[in-house]
Protein backbone atom coordinates (compact mmCIF):
# COMPACT_ATOMS: atom_id res chain seq x y z
CA MET A 1 0.00 0.00 0.00
CA GLN A 2 2.73 2.40 0.75
CA VAL A 3 4.38 1.59 -2.53
CA ARG A 4 1.14 2.40 -4.44
CA GLU A 5 0.73 5.64 -2.57
CA LYS A 6 4.26 6.64 -3.42
CA ARG A 7 3.66 5.82 -7.10
CA PHE A 8 0.45 7.84 -7.08
CA GLU A 9 2.16 10.78 -5.50
CA ALA A 10 4.96 10.47 -8.00
CA GLY A 11 2.40 10.44 -10.84
CA GLU A 12 0.62 13.45 -9.45
CA SER A 13 3.87 15.32 -9.15
CA ARG A 14 4.70 14.43 -12.74
CA SER A 15 1.29 15.46 -13.99
CA GLY A 16 1.63 18.69 -12.10
CA GLU A 17 4.95 19.35 -13.65
CA THR A 18 3.54 18.51 -17.08
CA GLY A 19 0.62 20.91 -16.59
CA SER A 20 2.88 23.65 -15.39
CA ARG A 21 5.08 23.08 -18.40
CA ARG A 22 2.04 23.30 -20.70
CA GLU A 23 0.90 26.52 -19.07
CA GLU A 24 4.40 27.91 -19.36
CA THR A 25 4.56 26.89 -23.04
CA GLY A 26 1.11 28.44 -23.75
CA SER A 27 2.08 31.64 -22.03
CA ARG A 28 5.29 31.72 -24.02
CA CYS A 29 3.33 31.22 -27.28
CA ARG A 30 0.92 34.01 -26.39
CA VAL A 31 3.81 36.26 -25.52
CA SER A 32 5.59 35.39 -28.76
CA ARG A 33 2.42 36.03 -30.83
CA SER A 34 1.73 39.34 -29.17
CA SER A 35 5.34 40.33 -29.56
CA PHE A 36 5.20 39.33 -33.24
CA ILE A 37 2.07 41.39 -33.80
CA PHE A 38 3.54 44.30 -31.92
CA SER A 39 6.77 44.02 -33.83
CA SER A 40 4.82 43.78 -37.10
CA ILE A 41 2.93 46.94 -36.25
CA LEU A 42 6.10 48.75 -35.37
CA ASP A 43 7.82 47.48 -38.54
CA PRO A 44 7.75 50.36 -41.09
CA ARG A 45 7.47 47.97 -44.04
CA SER A 46 4.36 46.36 -42.56
CA SER A 47 2.78 49.74 -41.86
CA LEU A 48 3.51 50.81 -45.43
CA LEU A 49 1.85 47.69 -46.81
CA LEU A 50 -1.14 48.26 -44.56
CA ALA A 51 -1.44 51.83 -45.73
CA LEU A 52 -1.25 50.77 -49.37
CA LEU A 53 -3.91 48.16 -48.75
CA LEU A 54 -6.22 50.74 -47.20
CA ILE A 55 -5.61 53.13 -50.10
CA LEU A 56 -6.41 50.43 -52.65
CA LEU A 57 -9.61 49.56 -50.83
CA ALA A 58 -10.64 53.22 -50.74
CA VAL A 59 -9.85 53.74 -54.43
CA SER A 60 -11.73 50.63 -55.49
CA SER A 61 -14.76 51.65 -53.43
CA CYS A 62 -14.72 55.16 -54.94
CA ALA A 63 -14.10 54.02 -58.50
CA GLY A 64 -16.92 51.47 -58.46
CA PRO A 65 -19.99 53.67 -59.23
CA PRO A 66 -18.35 55.72 -62.04
CA ALA A 67 -17.18 52.51 -63.69
CA ALA A 68 -20.71 51.23 -63.51
CA ARG A 69 -21.93 54.49 -64.98
CA ARG A 70 -19.35 54.28 -67.75
CA THR A 71 -20.40 50.79 -68.63
CA SER A 72 -23.99 51.90 -68.97
CA ARG A 73 -24.81 52.48 -72.61
CA THR A 74 -25.65 56.02 -73.48
CA PRO A 75 -28.68 56.30 -75.74
CA SER A 76 -27.75 57.39 -79.20
CA ALA A 77 -29.19 60.68 -80.29
CA SER A 78 -31.91 60.30 -82.84
CA VAL A 79 -30.86 61.69 -86.18
CA PRO A 80 -33.72 63.35 -88.06
CA ASP A 81 -34.47 61.87 -91.43
CA LYS A 82 -33.17 63.99 -94.24
CA THR A 83 -35.96 64.62 -96.67
CA LEU A 84 -34.93 65.04 -100.26
CA PRO A 85 -35.80 68.42 -101.74
CA GLU A 86 -38.67 68.35 -104.09
CA SER A 87 -37.72 68.46 -107.69
CA PRO A 88 -38.77 71.72 -109.41
CA PRO A 89 -41.68 71.48 -111.86
CA PRO A 90 -40.60 70.99 -115.48
CA THR A 91 -40.38 74.22 -117.40
CA PRO A 92 -42.39 74.37 -120.61
CA PRO A 93 -40.30 74.30 -123.79
CA ALA A 94 -39.47 77.68 -125.21
CA PRO A 95 -41.33 78.50 -128.41
CA ALA A 96 -39.37 78.50 -131.62
CA PRO A 97 -38.15 81.91 -132.82
CA GLY A 98 -40.70 83.68 -134.93
CA VAL A 99 -43.60 81.56 -133.61
CA PRO A 100 -45.80 83.39 -131.08
CA SER A 101 -46.56 81.57 -127.87
CA PRO A 102 -50.17 80.59 -127.10
CA GLN A 103 -50.38 83.45 -124.59
CA ASP A 104 -49.31 85.99 -127.23
CA GLN A 105 -51.84 84.83 -129.80
CA VAL A 106 -54.88 87.08 -129.63
CA THR A 107 -58.02 85.49 -130.95
CA GLU A 108 -60.57 87.86 -132.28
CA PRO A 109 -63.97 87.44 -130.66
CA ARG A 110 -66.58 85.92 -132.91
CA GLN A 111 -69.33 88.28 -133.87
CA GLU A 112 -72.72 87.15 -132.81
CA ALA A 113 -75.25 86.68 -135.58
CA THR A 114 -77.53 89.69 -135.44
CA PRO A 115 -80.48 90.40 -137.70
CA ARG A 116 -78.46 93.11 -139.48
CA SER A 117 -75.52 90.75 -140.13
CA VAL A 118 -77.86 88.05 -141.42
CA ALA A 119 -79.55 90.54 -143.74
CA SER A 120 -76.14 91.76 -144.94
CA LEU A 121 -75.09 88.22 -145.86
CA ARG A 122 -78.30 87.70 -147.84
CA LEU A 123 -77.68 90.89 -149.80
CA THR A 124 -74.06 89.79 -150.43
CA GLU A 125 -75.32 86.52 -151.90
CA GLN A 126 -77.79 88.39 -154.15
CA ALA A 127 -75.00 90.69 -155.36
CA ARG A 128 -72.80 87.72 -156.22
CA ASN A 129 -75.58 86.24 -158.38
CA LEU A 130 -76.06 89.62 -160.08
CA LEU A 131 -72.35 89.81 -160.92
CA GLU A 132 -72.45 86.34 -162.46
CA ALA A 133 -75.50 87.38 -164.45
CA GLY A 134 -73.65 90.47 -165.75
CA ASN A 135 -75.76 93.06 -163.84
CA THR A 136 -72.75 94.95 -162.51
CA ASP A 137 -74.45 98.26 -161.59
CA GLN A 138 -77.29 96.55 -159.73
CA ALA A 139 -74.74 94.33 -157.95
CA ILE A 140 -72.82 97.44 -156.79
CA ARG A 141 -75.99 99.02 -155.36
CA THR A 142 -76.90 95.78 -153.57
CA LEU A 143 -73.41 95.49 -152.10
CA GLU A 144 -73.55 99.10 -150.84
CA ARG A 145 -76.78 98.28 -148.98
CA ALA A 146 -75.17 95.18 -147.49
CA MET A 147 -72.14 97.21 -146.41
CA ASN A 148 -74.37 99.73 -144.62
CA LEU A 149 -75.98 96.90 -142.63
CA ASN A 150 -72.65 95.27 -141.65
CA PRO A 151 -69.53 97.35 -142.41
CA SER A 152 -67.20 94.62 -141.05
CA ASN A 153 -68.30 92.01 -143.60
CA GLY A 154 -65.17 91.56 -145.73
CA GLN A 155 -67.03 89.63 -148.45
CA ASN A 156 -68.87 92.84 -149.43
CA PHE A 157 -65.51 94.53 -150.14
CA TYR A 158 -64.30 91.55 -152.16
CA TYR A 159 -67.35 91.57 -154.46
CA LEU A 160 -67.26 95.36 -154.75
CA SER A 161 -63.64 95.00 -155.96
CA GLU A 162 -64.84 92.41 -158.51
CA ALA A 163 -67.59 94.73 -159.71
CA TRP A 164 -65.26 97.73 -160.22
CA LEU A 165 -62.69 95.47 -161.89
CA LYS A 166 -65.35 94.47 -164.45
CA LYS A 167 -66.07 98.17 -164.98
CA LYS A 168 -62.25 98.61 -165.43
CA ASN A 169 -62.09 101.11 -162.57
CA TYR A 170 -58.79 99.78 -161.24
CA ARG A 171 -58.33 102.42 -158.56
CA GLN A 172 -61.65 101.52 -156.91
CA ALA A 173 -60.90 97.83 -157.44
CA GLU A 174 -57.54 98.13 -155.62
CA GLU A 175 -59.11 100.11 -152.75
CA PHE A 176 -61.86 97.56 -152.08
CA ASN A 177 -59.35 94.71 -152.48
CA ARG A 178 -57.22 96.31 -149.75
CA LEU A 179 -60.25 96.63 -147.43
CA ALA A 180 -61.19 93.00 -148.11
CA ALA A 181 -57.67 91.89 -147.08
CA ILE A 182 -58.00 93.83 -143.81
CA HIS A 183 -61.36 92.32 -142.82
CA LEU A 184 -60.67 88.78 -144.05
CA LYS A 185 -57.11 88.35 -142.69
CA THR A 186 -58.21 85.68 -140.19
CA ASP A 187 -59.82 83.52 -142.90
CA ALA A 188 -57.18 81.58 -144.86
CA SER A 189 -59.48 80.50 -147.69
CA TRP A 190 -60.78 84.01 -148.32
CA MET A 191 -57.27 85.48 -148.07
CA ALA A 192 -56.18 83.17 -150.90
CA ARG A 193 -59.03 84.53 -153.07
CA VAL A 194 -58.15 88.13 -152.12
CA ALA A 195 -54.48 87.56 -153.11
CA GLU A 196 -55.52 86.03 -156.45
CA GLN A 197 -57.85 89.03 -157.06
CA ALA A 198 -54.96 91.45 -156.40
CA GLU A 199 -52.85 89.65 -159.04
CA ARG A 200 -55.68 89.95 -161.59
CA ILE A 201 -56.00 93.67 -160.90
CA LYS A 202 -52.26 94.14 -161.50
CA ARG A 203 -52.37 92.21 -164.77
CA SER A 204 -55.41 94.16 -165.94
CA LYS A 205 -53.65 97.48 -165.34
CA GLN A 206 -50.76 96.56 -167.63
C-alpha cells in the first residue's frame, strides 16, 4: 500500500509538472504572438503595406460607381431623317423663234349673228348672183346696202372689188381689195381669193 501511494504521488507530481510546463509553453506562445504582432505593427514595411492596402480599398470603393456608370450604354441621339428636296416642276419648252406663244396669240372674238348681219349676208349673196349674171351696176348698189348693214363684212368689199374690176375702174378695185384683205385676214381660204384678185388687178392694169 505504501508503494502504491508513493507511485500515485509520484504520478501526481509528474502530472503537475507537465501541466505547469504546458501553461508555461502556452504563455510563451501568447507572448511570442503578441510580440510578433507588436513588432509587425512597429515594422515600417508592414505599416507601409497596410497603408497601401487601405488606399487600394478606398480607391476601389470610390471608382466602383463611375465605372458602372461608364459601362452603362448612353442612348444614341436620334438623327432626323433627311428629306430630299422636291424636284422643281418641269419648265415648258421655249417657243421657236418667230412663232408666237399661245399666250401671245390674240383670238378675235366671234361676232354674234344679229339680224343686221344676217340681212347683210343675204344681200351679199344676191350681189354675187347679179355679178355672175352680168348686172354689174345693180350688184354694186346691192353690195352698198349690205355694207351699210354690216360694215365689217369683208365679203362685201371683195365683191365690190370684182364689180369695179369688171367696170375697169382699177383704182376703186384696188381700194376695195385692200379693205377686203383687212377684214378677211383671219380667214385663210378668203385670203387666198383676195391675193388672187390682187394679181388679176395688176395684170389688168398693164
